[in-house]
Amino acid sequence: MNSLFFGLKITLQVNDVIELIRYILYVVAQLIHLFCLSFEGQKLMDHSLQTREKIYNSPWYEVPVKTQKMLLFMMRRSIQPSFMSAGIYIFSMENFSKILQTSMSYFTVLASME
């Protein structure tokens, strides 16, 4: 939402080129930061979901029974993906694209009210 405010401020204050560049760089830096966190969060989710398949495709039947029980526990745990979050926001590429779409929608509405 913070980048939405700066997007609106950019459209309203185009008189000072230095201010315009500063606001644009700030918004781009915030988007890059959110993208990097979302990308890493998505990699974590993908990796945690692939764990079950990798265990199943391994030669689990050749290991001791105690280890087989541990592998079974790990497979059950990996049904639900692990994720990285900040409060209520879960870092994933899906949520990143939702944030971009919502911000652009709000920005378009507020810019049209000008």
Foldseek 3Di string as FASTA:
>chain_A
DVLLVLLLVLVVDVPDVVSNVVSVVVSVVVLVVLLVQLVVQAVQQVVLLCLLVVLVPDPLVVDDPVVNVVNVVSNVVSVHGDFDADVPRTRHVVVSVVVVVVSVVSSVVSVVVD
